């Protein structure tokens, strides 16, 4: 569906480049599942969030998620407990 656009934009190469900067296994997994938006309203919502993050960054806000624990194991445990 998007093959021609992905090839033109070198989508897979760009995603691999961004993935190298991911600080956690969870971040890398999220990038592996990255896909284009199909719903226009979801895209608008995401772009508003990015716009807000850019504005906060311009005001001097800096954040890092490298010190956060990976919640994957805890989420799996909770899922098993709920069954």
N, C-alpha and C. Protein backbone atom coordinates (compact mmCIF):
# COMPACT_ATOMS: atom_id res chain seq x y z
N UNK A 1 0.82 -1.19 0.00
CA UNK A 1 0.00 0.00 0.00
C UNK A 1 0.86 1.26 0.00
N UNK A 2 1.89 1.27 0.86
CA UNK A 2 2.75 2.45 0.97
C UNK A 2 4.14 2.20 0.41
N UNK A 3 4.35 1.08 -0.27
CA UNK A 3 5.69 0.68 -0.69
C UNK A 3 6.43 1.75 -1.47
N UNK A 4 5.78 2.34 -2.44
CA UNK A 4 6.46 3.36 -3.25
C UNK A 4 6.84 4.57 -2.40
N UNK A 5 5.93 5.03 -1.58
CA UNK A 5 6.21 6.19 -0.71
C UNK A 5 7.32 5.84 0.29
N UNK A 6 7.24 4.65 0.89
CA UNK A 6 8.27 4.24 1.86
C UNK A 6 9.64 4.19 1.20
N UNK A 7 9.71 3.65 -0.01
CA UNK A 7 10.99 3.58 -0.71
C UNK A 7 11.50 4.97 -1.05
N UNK A 8 10.63 5.83 -1.53
CA UNK A 8 11.03 7.19 -1.89
C UNK A 8 11.56 7.95 -0.68
N UNK A 9 10.86 7.81 0.44
CA UNK A 9 11.23 8.53 1.66
C UNK A 9 12.31 7.82 2.48
N UNK A 10 12.72 6.64 2.01
CA UNK A 10 13.69 5.81 2.75
C UNK A 10 13.21 5.60 4.19
N UNK A 11 11.92 5.29 4.30
CA UNK A 11 11.27 5.14 5.60
C UNK A 11 11.99 4.14 6.50
N UNK A 12 12.30 2.97 5.99
CA UNK A 12 12.90 1.93 6.81
C UNK A 12 14.30 2.33 7.28
N UNK A 13 15.05 3.02 6.45
CA UNK A 13 16.37 3.50 6.86
C UNK A 13 16.26 4.57 7.93
N UNK A 14 15.29 5.47 7.76
CA UNK A 14 15.09 6.52 8.76
C UNK A 14 14.66 5.93 10.09
N UNK A 15 13.76 4.95 10.05
CA UNK A 15 13.30 4.31 11.29
C UNK A 15 14.47 3.62 11.98
N UNK A 16 15.34 2.97 11.23
CA UNK A 16 16.52 2.30 11.81
C UNK A 16 17.45 3.34 12.44
N UNK A 17 17.61 4.48 11.79
CA UNK A 17 18.46 5.54 12.32
C UNK A 17 17.90 6.06 13.65
N UNK A 18 16.60 6.29 13.70
CA UNK A 18 15.97 6.77 14.93
C UNK A 18 16.04 5.70 16.01
N UNK A 19 15.88 4.44 15.63
CA UNK A 19 15.90 3.33 16.60
C UNK A 19 17.24 3.26 17.34
N UNK A 20 18.31 3.60 16.64
CA UNK A 20 19.63 3.57 17.28
C UNK A 20 19.72 4.55 18.45
N UNK A 21 18.89 5.58 18.43
CA UNK A 21 18.90 6.55 19.52
C UNK A 21 17.95 6.22 20.65
N UNK A 22 17.17 5.14 20.51
CA UNK A 22 16.24 4.75 21.56
C UNK A 22 17.03 4.35 22.81
N UNK A 23 16.56 4.78 23.96
CA UNK A 23 17.30 4.57 25.20
C UNK A 23 16.88 3.32 25.96
N UNK A 24 15.77 2.72 25.60
CA UNK A 24 15.26 1.56 26.33
C UNK A 24 14.79 0.48 25.35
N UNK A 25 14.72 -0.75 25.83
CA UNK A 25 14.16 -1.82 24.99
C UNK A 25 12.71 -1.51 24.60
N UNK A 26 11.96 -0.91 25.51
CA UNK A 26 10.58 -0.56 25.21
C UNK A 26 10.53 0.47 24.08
N UNK A 27 11.42 1.45 24.11
CA UNK A 27 11.47 2.45 23.05
C UNK A 27 11.81 1.82 21.71
N UNK A 28 12.75 0.90 21.72
CA UNK A 28 13.12 0.21 20.48
C UNK A 28 11.95 -0.62 19.96
N UNK A 29 11.23 -1.28 20.85
CA UNK A 29 10.08 -2.08 20.43
C UNK A 29 8.98 -1.19 19.84
N UNK A 30 8.76 -0.02 20.44
CA UNK A 30 7.77 0.91 19.90
C UNK A 30 8.15 1.36 18.50
N UNK A 31 9.42 1.63 18.29
CA UNK A 31 9.88 2.03 16.96
C UNK A 31 9.73 0.90 15.95
N UNK A 32 9.92 -0.32 16.40
CA UNK A 32 9.75 -1.46 15.49
C UNK A 32 8.31 -1.58 15.00
N UNK A 33 7.36 -1.14 15.83
CA UNK A 33 5.94 -1.21 15.46
C UNK A 33 5.44 0.08 14.82
N UNK A 34 6.32 1.04 14.63
CA UNK A 34 5.91 2.33 14.07
C UNK A 34 5.30 2.15 12.68
N UNK A 35 4.16 2.77 12.49
CA UNK A 35 3.45 2.69 11.21
C UNK A 35 2.74 4.01 10.96
N UNK A 36 2.46 4.32 9.71
CA UNK A 36 1.78 5.58 9.40
C UNK A 36 0.34 5.57 9.93
N UNK A 37 -0.15 6.76 10.21
CA UNK A 37 -1.54 6.92 10.64
C UNK A 37 -2.47 6.68 9.46
N UNK A 38 -3.56 6.03 9.73
CA UNK A 38 -4.59 5.87 8.71
C UNK A 38 -5.80 6.74 8.99
N UNK A 39 -5.95 7.15 10.25
CA UNK A 39 -7.07 7.99 10.65
C UNK A 39 -6.60 9.44 10.79
N UNK A 40 -7.21 10.32 10.05
CA UNK A 40 -6.79 11.73 10.03
C UNK A 40 -6.90 12.40 11.39
N UNK A 41 -7.94 12.09 12.16
CA UNK A 41 -8.11 12.71 13.48
C UNK A 41 -7.03 12.24 14.46
N UNK A 42 -6.67 10.97 14.39
CA UNK A 42 -5.57 10.47 15.22
C UNK A 42 -4.27 11.19 14.88
N UNK A 43 -4.05 11.42 13.59
CA UNK A 43 -2.86 12.15 13.15
C UNK A 43 -2.86 13.57 13.70
N UNK A 44 -3.99 14.25 13.60
CA UNK A 44 -4.07 15.61 14.14
C UNK A 44 -3.78 15.65 15.63
N UNK A 45 -4.32 14.70 16.36
CA UNK A 45 -4.08 14.62 17.82
C UNK A 45 -2.59 14.43 18.10
N UNK A 46 -1.96 13.51 17.36
CA UNK A 46 -0.54 13.26 17.56
C UNK A 46 0.30 14.49 17.21
N UNK A 47 -0.06 15.19 16.15
CA UNK A 47 0.69 16.38 15.75
C UNK A 47 0.54 17.50 16.78
N UNK A 48 -0.64 17.60 17.40
CA UNK A 48 -0.81 18.59 18.48
C UNK A 48 0.11 18.25 19.66
N UNK A 49 0.22 16.97 19.98
CA UNK A 49 1.11 16.55 21.08
C UNK A 49 2.57 16.85 20.74
N UNK A 50 2.97 16.60 19.51
CA UNK A 50 4.34 16.90 19.09
C UNK A 50 4.58 18.40 19.15
N UNK A 51 3.61 19.17 18.70
CA UNK A 51 3.72 20.63 18.73
C UNK A 51 3.91 21.13 20.16
N UNK A 52 3.16 20.55 21.08
CA UNK A 52 3.29 20.93 22.49
C UNK A 52 4.68 20.58 23.02
N UNK A 53 5.18 19.40 22.67
CA UNK A 53 6.51 18.98 23.11
C UNK A 53 7.58 19.91 22.56
N UNK A 54 7.46 20.30 21.31
CA UNK A 54 8.43 21.22 20.69
C UNK A 54 8.39 22.57 21.41
N UNK A 55 7.20 23.04 21.72
CA UNK A 55 7.08 24.32 22.42
C UNK A 55 7.72 24.24 23.81
N UNK A 56 7.48 23.16 24.53
CA UNK A 56 8.08 22.99 25.85
C UNK A 56 9.60 22.90 25.75
N UNK A 57 10.07 22.21 24.74
CA UNK A 57 11.52 22.12 24.53
C UNK A 57 12.11 23.50 24.27
N UNK A 58 11.39 24.31 23.51
CA UNK A 58 11.83 25.68 23.24
C UNK A 58 11.88 26.54 24.49
N UNK A 59 11.08 26.19 25.48
CA UNK A 59 11.08 26.92 26.75
C UNK A 59 12.14 26.40 27.71
N UNK A 60 12.91 25.41 27.26
CA UNK A 60 14.02 24.91 28.07
C UNK A 60 13.75 23.63 28.82
N UNK A 61 12.61 23.02 28.61
CA UNK A 61 12.30 21.76 29.29
C UNK A 61 13.09 20.63 28.64
N UNK A 62 13.77 19.85 29.44
CA UNK A 62 14.53 18.69 28.95
C UNK A 62 14.10 17.48 29.76
N UNK A 63 13.89 16.37 29.08
CA UNK A 63 13.54 15.16 29.80
C UNK A 63 14.24 13.98 29.19
N UNK A 64 14.39 12.95 30.01
CA UNK A 64 15.01 11.70 29.56
C UNK A 64 14.25 10.56 30.23
N UNK A 65 14.08 9.50 29.49
CA UNK A 65 13.39 8.34 30.02
C UNK A 65 14.36 7.20 30.30
N UNK A 66 15.65 7.48 30.22
CA UNK A 66 16.65 6.42 30.36
C UNK A 66 16.69 5.83 31.77
N UNK A 67 16.23 6.56 32.76
CA UNK A 67 16.28 6.06 34.14
C UNK A 67 15.02 5.29 34.53
N UNK A 68 14.02 5.27 33.67
CA UNK A 68 12.79 4.55 33.98
C UNK A 68 12.98 3.06 33.74
N UNK A 69 12.39 2.28 34.62
CA UNK A 69 12.46 0.83 34.46
C UNK A 69 11.53 0.40 33.33
N UNK A 70 11.87 -0.68 32.69
CA UNK A 70 11.04 -1.22 31.62
C UNK A 70 9.84 -1.91 32.28
N UNK A 71 8.62 -1.42 32.00
CA UNK A 71 7.43 -1.97 32.67
C UNK A 71 6.89 -3.25 32.02
N UNK A 72 7.56 -3.76 31.01
CA UNK A 72 7.03 -4.91 30.27
C UNK A 72 6.79 -6.11 31.17
N UNK A 73 7.76 -6.48 31.99
CA UNK A 73 7.60 -7.65 32.86
C UNK A 73 6.47 -7.44 33.85
N UNK A 74 6.37 -6.25 34.43
CA UNK A 74 5.30 -5.97 35.38
C UNK A 74 3.94 -6.05 34.70
N UNK A 75 3.85 -5.57 33.48
CA UNK A 75 2.59 -5.62 32.75
C UNK A 75 2.20 -7.06 32.46
N UNK A 76 3.17 -7.88 32.12
CA UNK A 76 2.87 -9.30 31.87
C UNK A 76 2.37 -9.97 33.14
N UNK A 77 3.02 -9.67 34.27
CA UNK A 77 2.60 -10.25 35.55
C UNK A 77 1.19 -9.83 35.89
N UNK A 78 0.87 -8.57 35.69
CA UNK A 78 -0.47 -8.07 35.98
C UNK A 78 -1.49 -8.75 35.08
N UNK A 79 -1.14 -8.95 33.83
CA UNK A 79 -2.04 -9.60 32.89
C UNK A 79 -2.34 -11.04 33.32
N UNK A 80 -1.32 -11.74 33.77
CA UNK A 80 -1.50 -13.12 34.23
C UNK A 80 -2.37 -13.14 35.48
N UNK A 81 -2.17 -12.20 36.38
CA UNK A 81 -2.93 -12.14 37.62
C UNK A 81 -4.41 -11.85 37.37
N UNK A 82 -4.71 -11.13 36.30
CA UNK A 82 -6.09 -10.77 36.00
C UNK A 82 -6.86 -11.91 35.35
N UNK A 83 -6.18 -12.91 34.87
CA UNK A 83 -6.86 -14.02 34.18
C UNK A 83 -7.53 -14.95 35.14
